[in-house]
C-alpha atoms as a PDB file:
ATOM      1  CA  MET A   1      16.370  24.098  -4.234  1.00  0.00           C
ATOM      2  CA  LYS A   2      17.427  21.076  -3.596  1.00  0.00           C
ATOM      3  CA  ILE A   3      14.959  18.315  -4.307  1.00  0.00           C
ATOM      4  CA  GLU A   4      15.228  17.076  -0.253  1.00  0.00           C
ATOM      5  CA  GLU A   5      13.465  20.884   0.465  1.00  0.00           C
ATOM      6  CA  ILE A   6      10.319  20.032  -1.356  1.00  0.00           C
ATOM      7  CA  GLY A   7       9.714  16.284  -0.589  1.00  0.00           C
ATOM      8  CA  GLU A   8       8.426  13.505  -2.815  1.00  0.00           C
ATOM      9  CA  ILE A   9       4.568  14.817  -3.130  1.00  0.00           C
ATOM     10  CA  ASN A  10       5.263  18.508  -4.237  1.00  0.00           C
ATOM     11  CA  LEU A  11       7.878  17.215  -6.710  1.00  0.00           C
ATOM     12  CA  ILE A  12       5.960  14.755  -8.111  1.00  0.00           C
ATOM     13  CA  LYS A  13       3.259  17.421  -8.957  1.00  0.00           C
ATOM     14  CA  HIS A  14       5.984  20.053 -10.074  1.00  0.00           C
ATOM     15  CA  LEU A  15       7.160  17.631 -12.462  1.00  0.00           C
ATOM     16  CA  THR A  16       3.826  16.397 -13.493  1.00  0.00           C
ATOM     17  CA  THR A  17       1.872  19.645 -13.907  1.00  0.00           C
ATOM     18  CA  ASN A  18      -0.066  19.731 -17.036  1.00  0.00           C
ATOM     19  CA  LEU A  19       0.969  16.345 -18.437  1.00  0.00           C
ATOM     20  CA  ASN A  20      -2.684  14.890 -18.529  1.00  0.00           C
ATOM     21  CA  GLN A  21      -3.190  17.628 -21.069  1.00  0.00           C
ATOM     22  CA  GLU A  22      -0.977  15.628 -23.473  1.00  0.00           C
ATOM     23  CA  TYR A  23      -2.716  12.292 -22.967  1.00  0.00           C
ATOM     24  CA  ASP A  24      -4.988  10.847 -25.694  1.00  0.00           C
ATOM     25  CA  SER A  25      -8.095   9.884 -25.678  1.00  0.00           C
ATOM     26  CA  SER A  26      -7.419   6.201 -24.783  1.00  0.00           C
ATOM     27  CA  VAL A  27      -5.614   7.540 -21.272  1.00  0.00           C
ATOM     28  CA  LYS A  28      -8.549   6.992 -18.475  1.00  0.00           C
ATOM     29  CA  LEU A  29      -6.006   7.904 -15.824  1.00  0.00           C
ATOM     30  CA  GLY A  30      -2.421   8.920 -15.536  1.00  0.00           C
ATOM     31  CA  VAL A  31      -0.463  10.632 -12.659  1.00  0.00           C
ATOM     32  CA  GLY A  32      -2.171  10.908  -9.699  1.00  0.00           C
ATOM     33  CA  ASP A  33      -3.919   7.117  -8.599  1.00  0.00           C
ATOM     34  CA  ASP A  34      -2.209   4.004  -7.350  1.00  0.00           C
ATOM     35  CA  ALA A  35      -2.093   2.699 -11.318  1.00  0.00           C
ATOM     36  CA  ALA A  36      -2.588   4.517 -14.648  1.00  0.00           C
ATOM     37  CA  ALA A  37      -5.663   3.044 -16.267  1.00  0.00           C
ATOM     38  CA  ILE A  38      -5.932   3.292 -20.723  1.00  0.00           C
ATOM     39  CA  LYS A  39      -8.953   1.852 -22.252  1.00  0.00           C
ATOM     40  CA  PHE A  40      -8.969  -1.034 -24.153  1.00  0.00           C
ATOM     41  CA  SER A  41     -12.442  -1.264 -25.563  1.00  0.00           C
ATOM     42  CA  ASP A  42     -15.877  -0.461 -24.130  1.00  0.00           C
ATOM     43  CA  ASP A  43     -15.804  -2.200 -21.374  1.00  0.00           C
ATOM     44  CA  HIS A  44     -12.061  -3.452 -20.719  1.00  0.00           C
ATOM     45  CA  TYR A  45      -9.209  -1.623 -19.172  1.00  0.00           C
ATOM     46  CA  LEU A  46      -5.428  -1.946 -18.974  1.00  0.00           C
ATOM     47  CA  LEU A  47      -3.957  -1.059 -15.469  1.00  0.00           C
ATOM     48  CA  LEU A  48       0.107   0.018 -15.502  1.00  0.00           C
ATOM     49  CA  THR A  49       1.990   0.583 -12.135  1.00  0.00           C
ATOM     50  CA  VAL A  50       5.430   0.020 -10.981  1.00  0.00           C
ATOM     51  CA  ASP A  51       7.513   0.327  -7.495  1.00  0.00           C
ATOM     52  CA  MET A  52      11.231   0.507  -7.269  1.00  0.00           C
ATOM     53  CA  LEU A  53      12.599  -0.994  -3.943  1.00  0.00           C
ATOM     54  CA  VAL A  54      15.872   0.691  -3.224  1.00  0.00           C
ATOM     55  CA  GLU A  55      18.984  -1.225  -0.752  1.00  0.00           C
ATOM     56  CA  GLY A  56      19.365   1.481   2.193  1.00  0.00           C
ATOM     57  CA  ARG A  57      15.884   3.452   1.302  1.00  0.00           C
ATOM     58  CA  HIS A  58      13.599   0.962   1.316  1.00  0.00           C
ATOM     59  CA  PHE A  59      15.312  -2.131   2.788  1.00  0.00           C
ATOM     60  CA  LEU A  60      18.385  -3.084   4.627  1.00  0.00           C
ATOM     61  CA  ILE A  61      20.269  -5.845   2.822  1.00  0.00           C
ATOM     62  CA  ASP A  62      21.258  -7.720   6.324  1.00  0.00           C
ATOM     63  CA  LYS A  63      17.416  -7.779   7.687  1.00  0.00           C
ATOM     64  CA  ILE A  64      15.579  -9.536   4.543  1.00  0.00           C
ATOM     65  CA  GLN A  65      16.632 -12.918   3.053  1.00  0.00           C
ATOM     66  CA  PRO A  66      16.748 -12.520  -0.698  1.00  0.00           C
ATOM     67  CA  GLU A  67      13.404 -14.411  -1.299  1.00  0.00           C
ATOM     68  CA  GLN A  68      11.585 -12.284   0.872  1.00  0.00           C
ATOM     69  CA  LEU A  69      12.870  -9.088  -1.351  1.00  0.00           C
ATOM     70  CA  GLY A  70      11.780 -10.816  -4.104  1.00  0.00           C
ATOM     71  CA  HIS A  71       8.180 -11.286  -2.506  1.00  0.00           C
ATOM     72  CA  LYS A  72       8.033  -8.037  -1.366  1.00  0.00           C
ATOM     73  CA  SER A  73       9.185  -5.911  -4.153  1.00  0.00           C
ATOM     74  CA  LEU A  74       6.308  -7.829  -6.557  1.00  0.00           C
ATOM     75  CA  ALA A  75       3.793  -7.542  -3.475  1.00  0.00           C
ATOM     76  CA  ALA A  76       3.723  -3.552  -3.686  1.00  0.00           C
ATOM     77  CA  SER A  77       2.809  -3.467  -7.167  1.00  0.00           C
ATOM     78  CA  LEU A  78       0.364  -6.321  -7.117  1.00  0.00           C
ATOM     79  CA  SER A  79      -1.027  -3.872  -4.149  1.00  0.00           C
ATOM     80  CA  ASP A  80      -1.911  -0.875  -6.164  1.00  0.00           C
ATOM     81  CA  ILE A  81      -3.633  -2.949  -9.106  1.00  0.00           C
ATOM     82  CA  ALA A  82      -5.843  -4.340  -6.625  1.00  0.00           C
ATOM     83  CA  ALA A  83      -5.940  -0.758  -5.264  1.00  0.00           C
ATOM     84  CA  MET A  84      -7.971   0.079  -8.169  1.00  0.00           C
ATOM     85  CA  GLY A  85     -10.173  -3.422  -8.780  1.00  0.00           C
ATOM     86  CA  GLY A  86      -8.293  -5.111 -10.869  1.00  0.00           C
ATOM     87  CA  SER A  87      -6.709  -8.449 -11.771  1.00  0.00           C
ATOM     88  CA  PRO A  88      -2.727  -8.606 -12.455  1.00  0.00           C
ATOM     89  CA  ARG A  89      -1.988  -9.827 -15.438  1.00  0.00           C
ATOM     90  CA  TYR A  90       1.753  -9.724 -16.345  1.00  0.00           C
ATOM     91  CA  ALA A  91       4.989  -8.223 -14.805  1.00  0.00           C
ATOM     92  CA  VAL A  92       8.322  -6.935 -16.075  1.00  0.00           C
ATOM     93  CA  ILE A  93      11.316  -7.019 -13.347  1.00  0.00           C
ATOM     94  CA  SER A  94      14.349  -4.601 -13.297  1.00  0.00           C
ATOM     95  CA  VAL A  95      17.656  -4.932 -11.061  1.00  0.00           C
ATOM     96  CA  GLY A  96      20.682  -3.256 -10.646  1.00  0.00           C
ATOM     97  CA  TRP A  97      22.963  -5.493  -9.215  1.00  0.00           C
ATOM     98  CA  PRO A  98      25.768  -4.647  -7.024  1.00  0.00           C
ATOM     99  CA  ALA A  99      28.972  -6.329  -7.400  1.00  0.00           C
ATOM    100  CA  TYR A 100      29.039  -7.674  -3.478  1.00  0.00           C
ATOM    101  CA  VAL A 101      25.990  -9.976  -4.686  1.00  0.00           C
ATOM    102  CA  ASP A 102      26.750 -13.563  -5.664  1.00  0.00           C
ATOM    103  CA  LEU A 103      24.655 -15.947  -8.411  1.00  0.00           C
ATOM    104  CA  ASN A 104      23.059 -17.756  -5.539  1.00  0.00           C
ATOM    105  CA  TYR A 105      21.553 -14.305  -3.984  1.00  0.00           C
ATOM    106  CA  THR A 106      20.330 -13.692  -7.376  1.00  0.00           C
ATOM    107  CA  GLU A 107      18.825 -16.717  -7.879  1.00  0.00           C
ATOM    108  CA  ARG A 108      16.896 -16.623  -4.677  1.00  0.00           C
ATOM    109  CA  VAL A 109      15.406 -12.784  -5.133  1.00  0.00           C
ATOM    110  CA  TYR A 110      13.690 -14.461  -8.621  1.00  0.00           C
ATOM    111  CA  ALA A 111      12.471 -17.249  -6.381  1.00  0.00           C
ATOM    112  CA  GLY A 112      10.666 -14.681  -4.057  1.00  0.00           C
ATOM    113  CA  LEU A 113       9.440 -13.329  -7.110  1.00  0.00           C
ATOM    114  CA  ARG A 114       8.287 -16.260  -9.007  1.00  0.00           C
ATOM    115  CA  GLY A 115       7.064 -17.402  -5.797  1.00  0.00           C
ATOM    116  CA  LEU A 116       4.376 -14.651  -5.262  1.00  0.00           C
ATOM    117  CA  ALA A 117       4.029 -14.565  -9.112  1.00  0.00           C
ATOM    118  CA  ARG A 118       2.310 -17.884  -9.417  1.00  0.00           C
ATOM    119  CA  LYS A 119       0.200 -17.241  -6.171  1.00  0.00           C
ATOM    120  CA  PHE A 120      -1.749 -14.456  -8.272  1.00  0.00           C
ATOM    121  CA  GLU A 121      -0.728 -16.365 -11.644  1.00  0.00           C
ATOM    122  CA  VAL A 122       0.874 -13.617 -12.553  1.00  0.00           C
ATOM    123  CA  ASN A 123       3.231 -14.003 -15.958  1.00  0.00           C
ATOM    124  CA  ILE A 124       7.239 -12.784 -15.738  1.00  0.00           C
ATOM    125  CA  ILE A 125       7.411 -11.911 -18.837  1.00  0.00           C
ATOM    126  CA  GLY A 126      10.534  -9.274 -19.348  1.00  0.00           C
ATOM    127  CA  GLY A 127      12.931  -6.836 -17.629  1.00  0.00           C
ATOM    128  CA  ASP A 128      16.475  -5.249 -17.592  1.00  0.00           C
ATOM    129  CA  THR A 129      19.748  -5.932 -15.792  1.00  0.00           C
ATOM    130  CA  VAL A 130      22.643  -3.837 -15.316  1.00  0.00           C
ATOM    131  CA  LYS A 131      25.421  -2.918 -12.777  1.00  0.00           C
ATOM    132  CA  ALA A 132      24.665  -1.098  -9.828  1.00  0.00           C
ATOM    133  CA  PRO A 133      26.414   1.010  -6.961  1.00  0.00           C
ATOM    134  CA  GLN A 134      23.382  -0.319  -4.732  1.00  0.00           C
ATOM    135  CA  LEU A 135      20.717  -3.295  -4.897  1.00  0.00           C
ATOM    136  CA  VAL A 136      17.481  -1.835  -6.736  1.00  0.00           C
ATOM    137  CA  VAL A 137      14.607  -3.947  -7.652  1.00  0.00           C
ATOM    138  CA  ASP A 138      12.091  -2.196 -10.074  1.00  0.00           C
ATOM    139  CA  VAL A 139       9.087  -4.157 -11.089  1.00  0.00           C
ATOM    140  CA  THR A 140       6.217  -2.722 -13.569  1.00  0.00           C
ATOM    141  CA  VAL A 141       2.785  -4.953 -13.206  1.00  0.00           C
ATOM    142  CA  LEU A 142      -0.060  -4.836 -16.296  1.00  0.00           C
ATOM    143  CA  GLY A 143      -3.134  -5.595 -14.885  1.00  0.00           C
ATOM    144  CA  GLU A 144      -6.902  -5.146 -16.291  1.00  0.00           C
ATOM    145  CA  ILE A 145     -10.512  -4.718 -15.341  1.00  0.00           C
ATOM    146  CA  ARG A 146     -13.914  -5.307 -17.246  1.00  0.00           C
ATOM    147  CA  LYS A 147     -15.615  -2.151 -15.696  1.00  0.00           C
ATOM    148  CA  GLU A 148     -14.068   1.546 -15.148  1.00  0.00           C
ATOM    149  CA  PRO A 149     -11.088   1.460 -12.294  1.00  0.00           C
ATOM    150  CA  ILE A 150     -12.108   2.528  -8.821  1.00  0.00           C
ATOM    151  CA  THR A 151     -10.223   5.701  -7.844  1.00  0.00           C
ATOM    152  CA  ARG A 152      -8.957   7.642  -5.677  1.00  0.00           C
ATOM    153  CA  SER A 153     -11.301  10.440  -6.307  1.00  0.00           C
ATOM    154  CA  GLY A 154     -15.197   8.883  -5.912  1.00  0.00           C
ATOM    155  CA  ALA A 155     -15.574   9.621  -2.185  1.00  0.00           C
ATOM    156  CA  GLN A 156     -18.809  11.557  -1.069  1.00  0.00           C
ATOM    157  CA  PRO A 157     -19.335  13.487   2.619  1.00  0.00           C
ATOM    158  CA  GLY A 158     -21.257  11.296   4.779  1.00  0.00           C
ATOM    159  CA  GLU A 159     -19.222   8.158   3.683  1.00  0.00           C
ATOM    160  CA  LEU A 160     -18.065   5.405   5.765  1.00  0.00           C
ATOM    161  CA  ILE A 161     -14.117   5.143   5.835  1.00  0.00           C
ATOM    162  CA  ALA A 162     -13.353   1.027   6.202  1.00  0.00           C
ATOM    163  CA  VAL A 163      -9.898  -1.101   5.990  1.00  0.00           C
ATOM    164  CA  THR A 164      -9.099  -4.713   5.588  1.00  0.00           C
ATOM    165  CA  GLY A 165      -7.162  -6.780   7.937  1.00  0.00           C
ATOM    166  CA  ARG A 166      -4.982  -5.158  10.658  1.00  0.00           C
ATOM    167  CA  VAL A 167      -2.360  -1.858  10.294  1.00  0.00           C
ATOM    168  CA  GLY A 168       0.562  -1.027  12.220  1.00  0.00           C
ATOM    169  CA  ALA A 169       1.736  -4.699  11.911  1.00  0.00           C
ATOM    170  CA  SER A 170       4.778  -3.869   9.256  1.00  0.00           C
ATOM    171  CA  ALA A 171       5.837  -1.095  11.036  1.00  0.00           C
ATOM    172  CA  ALA A 172       5.718  -3.379  14.605  1.00  0.00           C
ATOM    173  CA  GLY A 173       7.780  -5.133  12.390  1.00  0.00           C
ATOM    174  CA  LEU A 174      10.541  -3.303  11.127  1.00  0.00           C
ATOM    175  CA  ASN A 175      11.033  -1.724  14.726  1.00  0.00           C
ATOM    176  CA  LEU A 176      12.133  -5.502  15.733  1.00  0.00           C
ATOM    177  CA  LEU A 177      14.124  -6.177  13.034  1.00  0.00           C
ATOM    178  CA  ILE A 178      15.960  -2.763  13.341  1.00  0.00           C
ATOM    179  CA  ASN A 179      15.956  -3.832  17.356  1.00  0.00           C
ATOM    180  CA  GLU A 180      15.989  -7.420  17.198  1.00  0.00           C
ATOM    181  CA  GLN A 181      19.098  -7.202  19.778  1.00  0.00           C
ATOM    182  CA  ASN A 182      16.408  -6.327  22.171  1.00  0.00           C
ATOM    183  CA  ASN A 183      13.747  -8.849  21.188  1.00  0.00           C
ATOM    184  CA  LYS A 184      14.852 -11.704  23.553  1.00  0.00           C
ATOM    185  CA  THR A 185      11.430 -11.489  26.116  1.00  0.00           C
ATOM    186  CA  LEU A 186       9.093 -11.490  23.326  1.00  0.00           C
ATOM    187  CA  SER A 187       7.834 -14.491  22.456  1.00  0.00           C
ATOM    188  CA  SER A 188       9.075 -16.029  18.943  1.00  0.00           C
ATOM    189  CA  LYS A 189       5.872 -16.647  17.846  1.00  0.00           C
ATOM    190  CA  THR A 190       4.838 -12.960  18.369  1.00  0.00           C
ATOM    191  CA  VAL A 191       8.623 -11.819  16.261  1.00  0.00           C
ATOM    192  CA  ASP A 192       7.880 -14.439  13.658  1.00  0.00           C
ATOM    193  CA  ALA A 193       4.501 -13.131  12.443  1.00  0.00           C
ATOM    194  CA  LEU A 194       5.592  -9.089  13.144  1.00  0.00           C
ATOM    195  CA  HIS A 195       8.459 -10.020  10.728  1.00  0.00           C
ATOM    196  CA  GLN A 196       6.246 -11.850   7.993  1.00  0.00           C
ATOM    197  CA  ALA A 197       3.908  -8.789   8.182  1.00  0.00           C
ATOM    198  CA  HIS A 198       6.661  -6.680   7.064  1.00  0.00           C
ATOM    199  CA  LEU A 199       8.919  -8.833   5.241  1.00  0.00           C
ATOM    200  CA  THR A 200       6.127 -11.156   2.856  1.00  0.00           C
ATOM    201  CA  PRO A 201       3.214  -9.012   3.043  1.00  0.00           C
ATOM    202  CA  ILE A 202      -0.117 -10.408   0.948  1.00  0.00           C
ATOM    203  CA  PRO A 203      -1.648  -7.907  -1.497  1.00  0.00           C
ATOM    204  CA  ARG A 204      -5.467  -7.851  -0.702  1.00  0.00           C
ATOM    205  CA  VAL A 205      -5.805  -8.903  -4.835  1.00  0.00           C
ATOM    206  CA  LYS A 206      -8.716 -11.123  -4.162  1.00  0.00           C
ATOM    207  CA  GLU A 207     -10.297  -8.695  -1.705  1.00  0.00           C
ATOM    208  CA  ALA A 208     -10.417  -6.072  -4.364  1.00  0.00           C
ATOM    209  CA  SER A 209     -12.346  -7.869  -6.683  1.00  0.00           C
ATOM    210  CA  LEU A 210     -15.102  -8.910  -4.786  1.00  0.00           C
ATOM    211  CA  LEU A 211     -15.467  -5.884  -3.000  1.00  0.00           C
ATOM    212  CA  VAL A 212     -15.734  -3.729  -6.652  1.00  0.00           C
ATOM    213  CA  LYS A 213     -17.846  -6.771  -8.540  1.00  0.00           C
ATOM    214  CA  LYS A 214     -20.016  -6.035  -6.188  1.00  0.00           C
ATOM    215  CA  ASN A 215     -19.966  -2.100  -6.845  1.00  0.00           C
ATOM    216  CA  ILE A 216     -19.061  -1.208  -3.025  1.00  0.00           C
ATOM    217  CA  PRO A 217     -16.504   0.813  -3.023  1.00  0.00           C
ATOM    218  CA  THR A 218     -16.362   4.543  -4.096  1.00  0.00           C
ATOM    219  CA  SER A 219     -13.336   5.497  -3.527  1.00  0.00           C
ATOM    220  CA  MET A 220     -10.302   2.917  -3.303  1.00  0.00           C
ATOM    221  CA  ILE A 221      -6.368   2.969  -2.230  1.00  0.00           C
ATOM    222  CA  ASP A 222      -4.149   0.674  -0.377  1.00  0.00           C
ATOM    223  CA  VAL A 223      -2.140   0.716   3.050  1.00  0.00           C
ATOM    224  CA  SER A 224       1.765   1.779   1.446  1.00  0.00           C
ATOM    225  CA  ASP A 225       2.754   5.160   3.080  1.00  0.00           C
ATOM    226  CA  GLY A 226       0.282   4.928   6.345  1.00  0.00           C
ATOM    227  CA  VAL A 227      -3.505   5.364   7.209  1.00  0.00           C
ATOM    228  CA  VAL A 228      -3.516   9.106   7.723  1.00  0.00           C
ATOM    229  CA  SER A 229      -1.261   9.510   4.222  1.00  0.00           C
ATOM    230  CA  GLU A 230      -3.739   7.442   2.327  1.00  0.00           C
ATOM    231  CA  ILE A 231      -7.068   8.702   3.745  1.00  0.00           C
ATOM    232  CA  ASN A 232      -5.662  12.237   3.295  1.00  0.00           C
ATOM    233  CA  HIS A 233      -5.039  11.024  -0.415  1.00  0.00           C
ATOM    234  CA  ILE A 234      -8.644  10.032  -0.701  1.00  0.00           C
ATOM    235  CA  CYS A 235     -10.021  13.435   0.763  1.00  0.00           C
ATOM    236  CA  SER A 236      -7.680  15.443  -1.075  1.00  0.00           C
ATOM    237  CA  SER A 237      -8.293  13.402  -4.560  1.00  0.00           C
ATOM    238  CA  SER A 238     -12.292  13.428  -3.922  1.00  0.00           C
ATOM    239  CA  GLY A 239     -13.040  17.027  -2.083  1.00  0.00           C
ATOM    240  CA  VAL A 240     -13.913  16.078   0.945  1.00  0.00           C
ATOM    241  CA  GLY A 241     -13.097  15.895   4.733  1.00  0.00           C
ATOM    242  CA  GLY A 242     -12.662  13.185   7.265  1.00  0.00           C
ATOM    243  CA  VAL A 243     -12.478  12.053  10.950  1.00  0.00           C
ATOM    244  CA  ILE A 244     -10.680   9.154  11.632  1.00  0.00           C
ATOM    245  CA  TYR A 245     -11.778   6.969  15.099  1.00  0.00           C
ATOM    246  CA  ALA A 246      -8.576   6.039  16.935  1.00  0.00           C
ATOM    247  CA  GLU A 247     -10.565   3.233  18.807  1.00  0.00           C
ATOM    248  CA  ASN A 248     -11.771   1.735  15.822  1.00  0.00           C
ATOM    249  CA  LEU A 249      -7.945   1.214  13.971  1.00  0.00           C
ATOM    250  CA  PRO A 250      -7.690  -2.794  13.767  1.00  0.00           C
ATOM    251  CA  VAL A 251      -4.502  -3.084  15.274  1.00  0.00           C
ATOM    252  CA  ASP A 252      -3.250  -7.108  16.574  1.00  0.00           C
ATOM    253  CA  ASN A 253      -1.884  -8.003  19.553  1.00  0.00           C
ATOM    254  CA  ASN A 254       1.165  -8.870  18.776  1.00  0.00           C
ATOM    255  CA  THR A 255       1.974  -4.845  17.331  1.00  0.00           C
ATOM    256  CA  ILE A 256       0.415  -3.588  20.789  1.00  0.00           C
ATOM    257  CA  GLU A 257       2.839  -6.037  22.573  1.00  0.00           C
ATOM    258  CA  ALA A 258       5.724  -5.252  20.437  1.00  0.00           C
ATOM    259  CA  ALA A 259       5.127  -1.237  20.812  1.00  0.00           C
ATOM    260  CA  ALA A 260       4.877  -1.924  24.938  1.00  0.00           C
ATOM    261  CA  TYR A 261       8.077  -3.483  24.965  1.00  0.00           C
ATOM    262  CA  LEU A 262      10.097  -1.030  22.223  1.00  0.00           C
ATOM    263  CA  LYS A 263       8.242   1.541  24.356  1.00  0.00           C
ATOM    264  CA  GLU A 264       6.693   2.957  21.145  1.00  0.00           C
ATOM    265  CA  ASP A 265       3.032   4.163  20.882  1.00  0.00           C
ATOM    266  CA  HIS A 266       1.264   1.284  18.683  1.00  0.00           C
ATOM    267  CA  LEU A 267      -1.538   4.198  17.487  1.00  0.00           C
ATOM    268  CA  ASP A 268       1.696   5.806  15.865  1.00  0.00           C
ATOM    269  CA  TRP A 269       2.265   2.856  13.928  1.00  0.00           C
ATOM    270  CA  ALA A 270      -1.001   2.384  12.880  1.00  0.00           C
ATOM    271  CA  LEU A 271      -1.670   6.074  11.906  1.00  0.00           C
ATOM    272  CA  TYR A 272       1.795   6.686  10.244  1.00  0.00           C
ATOM    273  CA  GLY A 273       3.772   3.003   9.972  1.00  0.00           C
ATOM    274  CA  GLY A 274       2.914   2.092   6.053  1.00  0.00           C
ATOM    275  CA  GLU A 275       3.725  -0.858   4.376  1.00  0.00           C
ATOM    276  CA  ASP A 276       0.580  -3.006   5.430  1.00  0.00           C
ATOM    277  CA  TYR A 277      -0.805  -3.388   2.133  1.00  0.00           C
ATOM    278  CA  GLU A 278      -4.339  -3.360   3.155  1.00  0.00           C
ATOM    279  CA  LEU A 279      -7.158  -1.586   1.297  1.00  0.00           C
ATOM    280  CA  ILE A 280      -8.707   1.399   2.757  1.00  0.00           C
ATOM    281  CA  PHE A 281     -12.061   2.140   1.065  1.00  0.00           C
ATOM    282  CA  THR A 282     -15.251   4.502   1.550  1.00  0.00           C
ATOM    283  CA  LEU A 283     -18.612   2.598   1.246  1.00  0.00           C
ATOM    284  CA  PRO A 284     -22.474   4.063   2.049  1.00  0.00           C
ATOM    285  CA  GLU A 285     -23.619   3.285   5.302  1.00  0.00           C
ATOM    286  CA  SER A 286     -25.712   1.055   3.678  1.00  0.00           C
ATOM    287  CA  LYS A 287     -23.411  -1.427   2.311  1.00  0.00           C
ATOM    288  CA  VAL A 288     -21.355  -2.615   5.134  1.00  0.00           C
ATOM    289  CA  SER A 289     -22.953  -5.683   5.709  1.00  0.00           C
ATOM    290  CA  GLN A 290     -22.399  -6.811   2.024  1.00  0.00           C
ATOM    291  CA  ALA A 291     -19.208  -5.790   2.592  1.00  0.00           C
ATOM    292  CA  ARG A 292     -18.372  -7.652   5.656  1.00  0.00           C
ATOM    293  CA  LYS A 293     -20.008 -10.504   3.985  1.00  0.00           C
ATOM    294  CA  ALA A 294     -17.812 -10.293   0.463  1.00  0.00           C
ATOM    295  CA  LEU A 295     -14.813 -10.306   2.962  1.00  0.00           C
ATOM    296  CA  SER A 296     -15.640 -12.967   4.846  1.00  0.00           C
ATOM    297  CA  GLU A 297     -15.365 -15.155   1.531  1.00  0.00           C
ATOM    298  CA  THR A 298     -11.560 -14.671   1.984  1.00  0.00           C
ATOM    299  CA  GLY A 299     -11.731 -14.791   5.845  1.00  0.00           C
ATOM    300  CA  THR A 300     -10.539 -11.076   5.972  1.00  0.00           C
ATOM    301  CA  GLU A 301     -12.463  -8.900   8.296  1.00  0.00           C
ATOM    302  CA  LEU A 302     -13.305  -5.356   7.816  1.00  0.00           C
ATOM    303  CA  HIS A 303     -12.981  -2.694  10.268  1.00  0.00           C
ATOM    304  CA  ILE A 304     -14.749   0.744  10.167  1.00  0.00           C
ATOM    305  CA  ILE A 305     -12.419   3.326  11.234  1.00  0.00           C
ATOM    306  CA  GLY A 306     -13.806   6.417   9.998  1.00  0.00           C
ATOM    307  CA  LYS A 307     -15.895   9.283   8.020  1.00  0.00           C
ATOM    308  CA  THR A 308     -15.950  11.780   5.153  1.00  0.00           C
ATOM    309  CA  LEU A 309     -17.347  14.572   5.848  1.00  0.00           C
ATOM    310  CA  SER A 310     -17.151  17.962   3.955  1.00  0.00           C
ATOM    311  CA  SER A 311     -14.004  19.423   2.546  1.00  0.00           C
ATOM    312  CA  GLU A 312     -13.944  22.470   4.703  1.00  0.00           C
ATOM    313  CA  SER A 313     -13.749  19.907   7.888  1.00  0.00           C
ATOM    314  CA  GLY A 314     -10.274  18.944   6.787  1.00  0.00           C
ATOM    315  CA  LEU A 315      -8.939  15.828   8.145  1.00  0.00           C
ATOM    316  CA  HIS A 316      -9.177  14.990  12.043  1.00  0.00           C
ATOM    317  CA  LEU A 317      -8.563  12.078  14.866  1.00  0.00           C
ATOM    318  CA  GLU A 318     -11.478  11.443  17.403  1.00  0.00           C
ATOM    319  CA  LYS A 319      -9.766   9.752  20.423  1.00  0.00           C
ATOM    320  CA  GLU A 320     -11.364   8.934  23.950  1.00  0.00           C
ATOM    321  CA  GLY A 321     -14.367  11.935  22.886  1.00  0.00           C
ATOM    322  CA  GLU A 322     -11.746  14.487  21.525  1.00  0.00           C
ATOM    323  CA  VAL A 323     -11.481  15.128  18.303  1.00  0.00           C
ATOM    324  CA  VAL A 324      -8.086  17.130  17.095  1.00  0.00           C
ATOM    325  CA  PRO A 325      -6.663  17.774  13.296  1.00  0.00           C
ATOM    326  CA  LEU A 326      -4.340  15.145  11.956  1.00  0.00           C
ATOM    327  CA  SER A 327      -0.566  16.409  10.879  1.00  0.00           C
ATOM    328  CA  VAL A 328      -0.481  14.429   7.175  1.00  0.00           C
ATOM    329  CA  LYS A 329       2.334  12.506   7.254  1.00  0.00           C
ATOM    330  CA  GLY A 330       3.735   9.598   5.495  1.00  0.00           C
ATOM    331  CA  TYR A 331       6.821   7.934   3.968  1.00  0.00           C
ATOM    332  CA  ASP A 332       9.060  10.687   2.135  1.00  0.00           C
ATOM    333  CA  HIS A 333      11.766   9.382  -0.362  1.00  0.00           C
ATOM    334  CA  PHE A 334      13.794  12.520   0.032  1.00  0.00           C
ATOM    335  CA  HIS A 335      13.233  13.031   4.049  1.00  0.00           C
ATOM    336  CA  GLU A 336      15.404  10.727   6.524  1.00  0.00           C
END
């Protein structure tokens, strides 16, 4: 059987089945969440995550500036640490450089890496460099949290599902990049904002820290593969079902305008687009006002986009009064 026949998620399950039986007592969390967690002391956990970006699969080299590539490569891993409620501390960068890349390009990639690292006070402490047939950037980030990390598995039936910021903008930016010869009638302000959402996302590190400090989320994940995929991860890990309210999804006017122009469905981008690197989390209804107040300190909006249900309910979308089962799909590295 070829791995493309079983897909990314099933491949991970196949390769890591029973792996947790081999962990020693220091491993709080292994495979199956946004980051691994290692117990360092009674109230101190180390968090570890890794993300790899491959040319032609995760980015198009002629559609992204090298500084943007460095930025985005680090942002993906920082967002994983944020999803656990942790603070990123150290990064290790490994890069496969193809022969057609010149020295100036490599310097600009590292300028992008260093720029975002400085913003979050992350130290780049090492890595590896090899020659490769295509450009590959692999980033490992070590973080910490001074309490038990937030996982995907803490949601209970009857809680609310919330998301920070807005969703669908990264997918809009990607579609505009691919179809940039057709962008002439959109305003440069709209195009630039959506390009930025896709190419230089800012992970919600500070927002996550504030939420966790106030014990608000019961579960949390970042939006890397799409809203539906992420909520399904929470539901599967927590043993709950859920409903997403289509009308509550925070889709900005730029995304709606781009979707209309390209004759795409902005709701599809919001549900399945991914790479927004917002936070999705569950919380009791009694803590909504507290969550809004905490996020207001960063200028970030909170949106209630759904509710958790009993496990037998499955995952559904409520749109214009109609409730329909959701097809769970997201980015899969082995499917086109």
